[in-house]
Amino acid sequence: MHFAVSDFLSDIVQNSIEAGSSSVMVEYLEGDGRLEVYISDNGKGMDAATVERVKDPFYTGGHKHEGRKVGLGIPFLIQAAEAAGGEFDIKSEPGYGTSVYFSFDLTHIDCPPRGNLPSAFLSMMLFPGDYELGIRRKKDASEYSVQRSELVETLGNLEDVDSVLLARQYLTSLEEE
């Protein structure tokens, strides 16, 4: 279910990882009443026809995602962004990866809630697979960056409960500074 901005973000990052990306970069920039999110990956990419199909809520090849028969995340994101004075764009090239951009006017009455960002960032880092995830978060004058590999190196892994709890605590502290 796509209720909050963090749900849209998490869905796109999951798509990147499922597309075989070894590197995913997220920029989450907030200021002056506007939210802009950039996601780029080095996954398998898509041709122009496929890019158009992923925007179509009625299209399904029955295999958009392993274990899922439909993929409505991008059509819902486009609808939510447009309803709230925002924008959406996607660029992709087979063999080189995909870049997604979306924005919201945070003052618009139809702007979805942002959701719990530390939890969203952590859940994106816990998706299975061997990949790097970089997050750059900027809100007004404060900014931080975090890499999945840095958390794994510091905590030893992101698989046991203690490590996940420490990672959550760290990401929450970054958001509170």
Foldseek 3Di string as FASTA:
>chain_A
DDFAQLVLVLLVLVLQVQLVFQEKEWEWEADPQKTKIKIWTFGQWDDPVVVVQLLDQPDFPQPSDVVDGGDCSNVVQQVLQVQAVKHWDKDTDGRGTIMIMMMGRNVGPSHGHNPDVLVSVLVSLPDDDNHKYKYWYYHHPDIDIDISVVLCVVLVHCPDPVSSVVSSVVSVVSVVD
